[in-house]
Amino acid sequence: MKALILVLATLLALQAQRDRPQQGALKVGDKAPDFTLKVLNSDKEFKLSDNFGKRPTFLIFGSYT
């Protein structure tokens, strides 16, 4: 359940970021930019850089309607 909440929060943050103008585009092989997300229904936050080297982090894009 926590993983699903994290994925949904990530998708919402990425959509908000997509709607803002970008100064540069990532290329294949570039390091992912750091970001912090609030975990839904919790006071906790997820920060990408805190996860480096600890466990894989996946961004899943799709429609589940």
PDB file of N, CA and C in Angstrom:
ATOM      1  N   MET A   1       0.820  -1.191   0.000  1.00  0.00           N
ATOM      2  CA  MET A   1       0.000   0.000   0.000  1.00  0.00           C
ATOM      3  C   MET A   1       0.866   1.259   0.000  1.00  0.00           C
ATOM      4  N   LYS A   2       1.945   1.248   0.814  1.00  0.00           N
ATOM      5  CA  LYS A   2       2.828   2.413   0.861  1.00  0.00           C
ATOM      6  C   LYS A   2       3.481   2.663  -0.491  1.00  0.00           C
ATOM      7  N   ALA A   3       3.817   1.585  -1.195  1.00  0.00           N
ATOM      8  CA  ALA A   3       4.444   1.725  -2.511  1.00  0.00           C
ATOM      9  C   ALA A   3       3.471   2.373  -3.494  1.00  0.00           C
ATOM     10  N   LEU A   4       2.213   1.987  -3.439  1.00  0.00           N
ATOM     11  CA  LEU A   4       1.208   2.566  -4.323  1.00  0.00           C
ATOM     12  C   LEU A   4       1.025   4.055  -4.020  1.00  0.00           C
ATOM     13  N   ILE A   5       0.998   4.415  -2.756  1.00  0.00           N
ATOM     14  CA  ILE A   5       0.865   5.818  -2.365  1.00  0.00           C
ATOM     15  C   ILE A   5       2.061   6.610  -2.873  1.00  0.00           C
ATOM     16  N   LEU A   6       3.243   6.042  -2.745  1.00  0.00           N
ATOM     17  CA  LEU A   6       4.450   6.713  -3.211  1.00  0.00           C
ATOM     18  C   LEU A   6       4.410   6.912  -4.730  1.00  0.00           C
ATOM     19  N   VAL A   7       3.970   5.918  -5.456  1.00  0.00           N
ATOM     20  CA  VAL A   7       3.882   6.020  -6.916  1.00  0.00           C
ATOM     21  C   VAL A   7       2.871   7.094  -7.312  1.00  0.00           C
ATOM     22  N   LEU A   8       1.730   7.125  -6.648  1.00  0.00           N
ATOM     23  CA  LEU A   8       0.717   8.128  -6.975  1.00  0.00           C
ATOM     24  C   LEU A   8       1.216   9.540  -6.660  1.00  0.00           C
ATOM     25  N   ALA A   9       1.882   9.705  -5.530  1.00  0.00           N
ATOM     26  CA  ALA A   9       2.424  11.024  -5.185  1.00  0.00           C
ATOM     27  C   ALA A   9       3.478  11.453  -6.193  1.00  0.00           C
ATOM     28  N   THR A  10       4.293  10.507  -6.647  1.00  0.00           N
ATOM     29  CA  THR A  10       5.322  10.804  -7.648  1.00  0.00           C
ATOM     30  C   THR A  10       4.680  11.251  -8.956  1.00  0.00           C
ATOM     31  N   LEU A  11       3.640  10.559  -9.370  1.00  0.00           N
ATOM     32  CA  LEU A  11       2.961  10.928 -10.614  1.00  0.00           C
ATOM     33  C   LEU A  11       2.356  12.328 -10.528  1.00  0.00           C
ATOM     34  N   LEU A  12       1.772  12.657  -9.397  1.00  0.00           N
ATOM     35  CA  LEU A  12       1.201  13.994  -9.227  1.00  0.00           C
ATOM     36  C   LEU A  12       2.282  15.063  -9.275  1.00  0.00           C
ATOM     37  N   ALA A  13       3.403  14.802  -8.628  1.00  0.00           N
ATOM     38  CA  ALA A  13       4.502  15.774  -8.631  1.00  0.00           C
ATOM     39  C   ALA A  13       5.085  15.932 -10.031  1.00  0.00           C
ATOM     40  N   LEU A  14       5.229  14.837 -10.749  1.00  0.00           N
ATOM     41  CA  LEU A  14       5.778  14.913 -12.098  1.00  0.00           C
ATOM     42  C   LEU A  14       4.834  15.651 -13.043  1.00  0.00           C
ATOM     43  N   GLN A  15       3.538  15.466 -12.874  1.00  0.00           N
ATOM     44  CA  GLN A  15       2.588  16.188 -13.719  1.00  0.00           C
ATOM     45  C   GLN A  15       2.672  17.684 -13.427  1.00  0.00           C
ATOM     46  N   ALA A  16       2.787  18.065 -12.156  1.00  0.00           N
ATOM     47  CA  ALA A  16       2.906  19.482 -11.811  1.00  0.00           C
ATOM     48  C   ALA A  16       4.196  20.062 -12.373  1.00  0.00           C
ATOM     49  N   GLN A  17       5.263  19.282 -12.322  1.00  0.00           N
ATOM     50  CA  GLN A  17       6.547  19.748 -12.852  1.00  0.00           C
ATOM     51  C   GLN A  17       6.483  19.872 -14.375  1.00  0.00           C
ATOM     52  N   ARG A  18       5.773  18.973 -15.022  1.00  0.00           N
ATOM     53  CA  ARG A  18       5.653  18.992 -16.480  1.00  0.00           C
ATOM     54  C   ARG A  18       4.957  20.262 -16.965  1.00  0.00           C
ATOM     55  N   ASP A  19       4.039  20.766 -16.158  1.00  0.00           N
ATOM     56  CA  ASP A  19       3.286  21.950 -16.550  1.00  0.00           C
ATOM     57  C   ASP A  19       4.095  23.240 -16.415  1.00  0.00           C
ATOM     58  N   ARG A  20       5.267  23.184 -15.758  1.00  0.00           N
ATOM     59  CA  ARG A  20       6.130  24.360 -15.627  1.00  0.00           C
ATOM     60  C   ARG A  20       7.147  24.368 -16.757  1.00  0.00           C
ATOM     61  N   PRO A  21       7.561  25.549 -17.202  1.00  0.00           N
ATOM     62  CA  PRO A  21       8.601  25.615 -18.231  1.00  0.00           C
ATOM     63  C   PRO A  21       9.914  25.032 -17.714  1.00  0.00           C
ATOM     64  N   GLN A  22      10.609  24.307 -18.561  1.00  0.00           N
ATOM     65  CA  GLN A  22      11.871  23.670 -18.182  1.00  0.00           C
ATOM     66  C   GLN A  22      13.040  24.396 -18.821  1.00  0.00           C
ATOM     67  N   GLN A  23      14.123  24.577 -18.070  1.00  0.00           N
ATOM     68  CA  GLN A  23      15.304  25.252 -18.609  1.00  0.00           C
ATOM     69  C   GLN A  23      16.152  24.311 -19.443  1.00  0.00           C
ATOM     70  N   GLY A  24      16.150  23.043 -19.129  1.00  0.00           N
ATOM     71  CA  GLY A  24      16.942  22.080 -19.881  1.00  0.00           C
ATOM     72  C   GLY A  24      16.252  20.734 -19.865  1.00  0.00           C
ATOM     73  N   ALA A  25      16.589  19.921 -20.798  1.00  0.00           N
ATOM     74  CA  ALA A  25      15.968  18.603 -20.878  1.00  0.00           C
ATOM     75  C   ALA A  25      16.980  17.538 -20.483  1.00  0.00           C
ATOM     76  N   LEU A  26      16.507  16.497 -19.842  1.00  0.00           N
ATOM     77  CA  LEU A  26      17.371  15.370 -19.505  1.00  0.00           C
ATOM     78  C   LEU A  26      17.627  14.535 -20.756  1.00  0.00           C
ATOM     79  N   LYS A  27      18.801  13.955 -20.781  1.00  0.00           N
ATOM     80  CA  LYS A  27      19.157  13.047 -21.870  1.00  0.00           C
ATOM     81  C   LYS A  27      19.360  11.661 -21.291  1.00  0.00           C
ATOM     82  N   VAL A  28      19.330  10.647 -22.122  1.00  0.00           N
ATOM     83  CA  VAL A  28      19.568   9.287 -21.673  1.00  0.00           C
ATOM     84  C   VAL A  28      20.919   9.239 -20.973  1.00  0.00           C
ATOM     85  N   GLY A  29      20.933   8.659 -19.779  1.00  0.00           N
ATOM     86  CA  GLY A  29      22.166   8.543 -19.009  1.00  0.00           C
ATOM     87  C   GLY A  29      22.368   9.647 -17.989  1.00  0.00           C
ATOM     88  N   ASP A  30      21.573  10.725 -18.066  1.00  0.00           N
ATOM     89  CA  ASP A  30      21.669  11.799 -17.075  1.00  0.00           C
ATOM     90  C   ASP A  30      21.173  11.299 -15.723  1.00  0.00           C
ATOM     91  N   LYS A  31      21.748  11.846 -14.649  1.00  0.00           N
ATOM     92  CA  LYS A  31      21.300  11.517 -13.303  1.00  0.00           C
ATOM     93  C   LYS A  31      19.946  12.192 -13.066  1.00  0.00           C
ATOM     94  N   ALA A  32      19.045  11.472 -12.416  1.00  0.00           N
ATOM     95  CA  ALA A  32      17.716  12.020 -12.138  1.00  0.00           C
ATOM     96  C   ALA A  32      17.837  13.204 -11.186  1.00  0.00           C
ATOM     97  N   PRO A  33      17.088  14.271 -11.429  1.00  0.00           N
ATOM     98  CA  PRO A  33      17.116  15.402 -10.503  1.00  0.00           C
ATOM     99  C   PRO A  33      16.495  15.004  -9.163  1.00  0.00           C
ATOM    100  N   ASP A  34      17.019  15.576  -8.098  1.00  0.00           N
ATOM    101  CA  ASP A  34      16.504  15.269  -6.774  1.00  0.00           C
ATOM    102  C   ASP A  34      15.132  15.905  -6.587  1.00  0.00           C
ATOM    103  N   PHE A  35      14.271  15.247  -5.828  1.00  0.00           N
ATOM    104  CA  PHE A  35      12.966  15.810  -5.503  1.00  0.00           C
ATOM    105  C   PHE A  35      12.509  15.269  -4.166  1.00  0.00           C
ATOM    106  N   THR A  36      11.602  15.983  -3.545  1.00  0.00           N
ATOM    107  CA  THR A  36      11.005  15.563  -2.282  1.00  0.00           C
ATOM    108  C   THR A  36       9.495  15.538  -2.465  1.00  0.00           C
ATOM    109  N   LEU A  37       8.868  14.458  -1.997  1.00  0.00           N
ATOM    110  CA  LEU A  37       7.421  14.311  -2.086  1.00  0.00           C
ATOM    111  C   LEU A  37       6.845  14.035  -0.713  1.00  0.00           C
ATOM    112  N   LYS A  38       5.673  14.558  -0.440  1.00  0.00           N
ATOM    113  CA  LYS A  38       4.966  14.230   0.786  1.00  0.00           C
ATOM    114  C   LYS A  38       4.255  12.907   0.555  1.00  0.00           C
ATOM    115  N   VAL A  39       4.395  11.984   1.494  1.00  0.00           N
ATOM    116  CA  VAL A  39       3.711  10.703   1.401  1.00  0.00           C
ATOM    117  C   VAL A  39       2.252  10.933   1.769  1.00  0.00           C
ATOM    118  N   LEU A  40       1.350  10.475   0.907  1.00  0.00           N
ATOM    119  CA  LEU A  40      -0.071  10.684   1.144  1.00  0.00           C
ATOM    120  C   LEU A  40      -0.508  10.048   2.458  1.00  0.00           C
ATOM    121  N   ASN A  41      -1.420  10.698   3.146  1.00  0.00           N
ATOM    122  CA  ASN A  41      -1.972  10.214   4.416  1.00  0.00           C
ATOM    123  C   ASN A  41      -0.908  10.002   5.476  1.00  0.00           C
ATOM    124  N   SER A  42       0.130  10.834   5.457  1.00  0.00           N
ATOM    125  CA  SER A  42       1.230  10.699   6.411  1.00  0.00           C
ATOM    126  C   SER A  42       1.936  12.039   6.543  1.00  0.00           C
ATOM    127  N   ASP A  43       2.676  12.202   7.625  1.00  0.00           N
ATOM    128  CA  ASP A  43       3.509  13.396   7.800  1.00  0.00           C
ATOM    129  C   ASP A  43       4.900  13.176   7.221  1.00  0.00           C
ATOM    130  N   LYS A  44       5.171  11.979   6.726  1.00  0.00           N
ATOM    131  CA  LYS A  44       6.495  11.642   6.203  1.00  0.00           C
ATOM    132  C   LYS A  44       6.710  12.237   4.815  1.00  0.00           C
ATOM    133  N   GLU A  45       7.988  12.364   4.458  1.00  0.00           N
ATOM    134  CA  GLU A  45       8.362  12.808   3.119  1.00  0.00           C
ATOM    135  C   GLU A  45       9.325  11.800   2.517  1.00  0.00           C
ATOM    136  N   PHE A  46       9.301  11.706   1.203  1.00  0.00           N
ATOM    137  CA  PHE A  46      10.234  10.859   0.464  1.00  0.00           C
ATOM    138  C   PHE A  46      11.147  11.775  -0.321  1.00  0.00           C
ATOM    139  N   LYS A  47      12.458  11.617  -0.137  1.00  0.00           N
ATOM    140  CA  LYS A  47      13.440  12.400  -0.888  1.00  0.00           C
ATOM    141  C   LYS A  47      14.274  11.425  -1.715  1.00  0.00           C
ATOM    142  N   LEU A  48      14.328  11.653  -3.000  1.00  0.00           N
ATOM    143  CA  LEU A  48      15.009  10.729  -3.896  1.00  0.00           C
ATOM    144  C   LEU A  48      16.461  10.511  -3.488  1.00  0.00           C
ATOM    145  N   SER A  49      17.176  11.583  -3.161  1.00  0.00           N
ATOM    146  CA  SER A  49      18.602  11.446  -2.831  1.00  0.00           C
ATOM    147  C   SER A  49      18.832  10.634  -1.553  1.00  0.00           C
ATOM    148  N   ASP A  50      17.846  10.576  -0.648  1.00  0.00           N
ATOM    149  CA  ASP A  50      17.986   9.756   0.559  1.00  0.00           C
ATOM    150  C   ASP A  50      17.913   8.273   0.229  1.00  0.00           C
ATOM    151  N   ASN A  51      17.417   7.938  -0.948  1.00  0.00           N
ATOM    152  CA  ASN A  51      17.221   6.552  -1.356  1.00  0.00           C
ATOM    153  C   ASN A  51      18.374   6.011  -2.204  1.00  0.00           C
ATOM    154  N   PHE A  52      19.250   6.887  -2.729  1.00  0.00           N
ATOM    155  CA  PHE A  52      20.338   6.433  -3.594  1.00  0.00           C
ATOM    156  C   PHE A  52      21.199   5.391  -2.886  1.00  0.00           C
ATOM    157  N   GLY A  53      21.412   4.273  -3.546  1.00  0.00           N
ATOM    158  CA  GLY A  53      22.276   3.219  -3.026  1.00  0.00           C
ATOM    159  C   GLY A  53      21.630   2.321  -1.991  1.00  0.00           C
ATOM    160  N   LYS A  54      20.399   2.583  -1.606  1.00  0.00           N
ATOM    161  CA  LYS A  54      19.734   1.775  -0.585  1.00  0.00           C
ATOM    162  C   LYS A  54      18.792   0.745  -1.203  1.00  0.00           C
ATOM    163  N   ARG A  55      17.997   1.198  -2.164  1.00  0.00           N
ATOM    164  CA  ARG A  55      17.047   0.291  -2.821  1.00  0.00           C
ATOM    165  C   ARG A  55      16.630   0.919  -4.146  1.00  0.00           C
ATOM    166  N   PRO A  56      16.168   0.112  -5.070  1.00  0.00           N
ATOM    167  CA  PRO A  56      15.743   0.667  -6.358  1.00  0.00           C
ATOM    168  C   PRO A  56      14.515   1.559  -6.193  1.00  0.00           C
ATOM    169  N   THR A  57      14.442   2.603  -6.990  1.00  0.00           N
ATOM    170  CA  THR A  57      13.281   3.494  -7.017  1.00  0.00           C
ATOM    171  C   THR A  57      12.737   3.486  -8.432  1.00  0.00           C
ATOM    172  N   PHE A  58      11.465   3.195  -8.588  1.00  0.00           N
ATOM    173  CA  PHE A  58      10.842   3.094  -9.900  1.00  0.00           C
ATOM    174  C   PHE A  58       9.791   4.176 -10.060  1.00  0.00           C
ATOM    175  N   LEU A  59       9.776   4.798 -11.197  1.00  0.00           N
ATOM    176  CA  LEU A  59       8.702   5.713 -11.566  1.00  0.00           C
ATOM    177  C   LEU A  59       7.855   4.982 -12.595  1.00  0.00           C
ATOM    178  N   ILE A  60       6.588   4.816 -12.294  1.00  0.00           N
ATOM    179  CA  ILE A  60       5.697   4.057 -13.156  1.00  0.00           C
ATOM    180  C   ILE A  60       4.698   5.022 -13.778  1.00  0.00           C
ATOM    181  N   PHE A  61       4.637   5.046 -15.086  1.00  0.00           N
ATOM    182  CA  PHE A  61       3.724   5.900 -15.806  1.00  0.00           C
ATOM    183  C   PHE A  61       2.659   5.028 -16.463  1.00  0.00           C
ATOM    184  N   GLY A  62       1.424   5.401 -16.275  1.00  0.00           N
ATOM    185  CA  GLY A  62       0.365   4.623 -16.892  1.00  0.00           C
ATOM    186  C   GLY A  62      -0.991   5.121 -16.440  1.00  0.00           C
ATOM    187  N   SER A  63      -1.999   4.552 -17.014  1.00  0.00           N
ATOM    188  CA  SER A  63      -3.365   4.893 -16.664  1.00  0.00           C
ATOM    189  C   SER A  63      -4.027   3.666 -16.082  1.00  0.00           C
ATOM    190  N   TYR A  64      -4.647   3.830 -14.939  1.00  0.00           N
ATOM    191  CA  TYR A  64      -5.283   2.699 -14.273  1.00  0.00           C
ATOM    192  C   TYR A  64      -6.785   2.957 -14.144  1.00  0.00           C
ATOM    193  N   THR A  65      -7.369   3.366 -15.243  1.00  0.00           N
ATOM    194  CA  THR A  65      -8.813   3.649 -15.210  1.00  0.00           C
ATOM    195  C   THR A  65      -9.597   2.516 -15.807  1.00  0.00           C
TER     196      THR A  65
END
